[in-house]
Amino acid sequence: MVVKKKGIVPKWIKKTDIKKTEELTEKLHQWREKVGAKMMEPNPDYDPSVKAYEFYKYKN
């Protein structure tokens, strides 16, 4: 079972070696399942309109 998810493997690898991409993606998913690794969840506090320098200027 190969789970195809956007952004897991760099585009240049996908284009040059599709079988290797599928193999590595499968290994990654097996490892995640084996160790109980969870996928990151979106940060509910993230606001893309706030620039880093603005955030740190007002944080203190």
Protein backbone atom coordinates (compact mmCIF):
# COMPACT_ATOMS: atom_id res chain seq x y z
CA MET A 1 0.00 0.00 0.00
CA VAL A 2 1.48 3.30 -1.07
CA VAL A 3 -0.12 6.36 0.44
CA LYS A 4 0.34 9.29 -1.86
CA LYS A 5 0.41 12.51 0.04
CA LYS A 6 1.53 15.81 -1.37
CA GLY A 7 4.75 17.22 0.02
CA ILE A 8 6.33 14.06 1.46
CA VAL A 9 9.02 13.59 -1.19
CA PRO A 10 10.80 16.42 -3.03
CA LYS A 11 9.55 16.95 -6.58
CA TRP A 12 12.96 16.31 -8.15
CA ILE A 13 13.07 12.81 -6.66
CA LYS A 14 9.51 12.06 -7.73
CA LYS A 15 10.32 12.94 -11.30
CA THR A 16 13.61 11.06 -11.49
CA ASP A 17 12.86 7.80 -9.70
CA ILE A 18 9.19 6.98 -9.22
CA LYS A 19 9.77 3.44 -7.90
CA LYS A 20 12.25 4.69 -5.29
CA THR A 21 9.80 7.39 -4.27
CA GLU A 22 7.08 4.81 -3.72
CA GLU A 23 9.48 2.54 -1.80
CA LEU A 24 10.66 5.31 0.53
CA THR A 25 7.13 6.61 1.08
CA GLU A 26 5.99 3.12 2.06
CA LYS A 27 8.95 2.70 4.43
CA LEU A 28 8.16 6.03 6.04
CA HIS A 29 4.52 5.09 6.64
CA GLN A 30 5.53 1.69 8.05
CA TRP A 31 8.01 3.33 10.41
CA ARG A 32 5.44 5.88 11.58
CA GLU A 33 2.98 3.10 12.32
CA LYS A 34 5.63 0.95 14.05
CA VAL A 35 6.77 3.70 16.43
CA GLY A 36 3.36 5.30 16.87
CA ALA A 37 4.49 8.58 15.35
CA LYS A 38 1.68 11.05 14.83
CA MET A 39 1.36 13.53 12.02
CA MET A 40 1.62 17.15 12.96
CA GLU A 41 -1.61 19.05 13.36
CA PRO A 42 -2.14 22.58 12.11
CA ASN A 43 -1.48 25.29 14.69
CA PRO A 44 -4.86 26.90 15.46
CA ASP A 45 -3.08 30.10 16.55
CA TYR A 46 -1.16 30.50 13.27
CA ASP A 47 -1.99 33.68 11.39
CA PRO A 48 -0.19 33.93 8.04
CA SER A 49 -0.91 37.66 7.87
CA VAL A 50 1.33 38.34 10.90
CA LYS A 51 4.99 38.76 9.97
CA ALA A 52 7.63 37.31 12.31
CA TYR A 53 9.17 40.68 13.12
CA GLU A 54 5.73 42.02 14.09
CA PHE A 55 4.99 39.02 16.28
CA TYR A 56 8.20 39.35 18.28
CA LYS A 57 7.96 43.13 18.49
CA TYR A 58 4.63 42.96 20.34
CA LYS A 59 5.11 39.69 22.19
CA ASN A 60 7.20 41.13 25.05
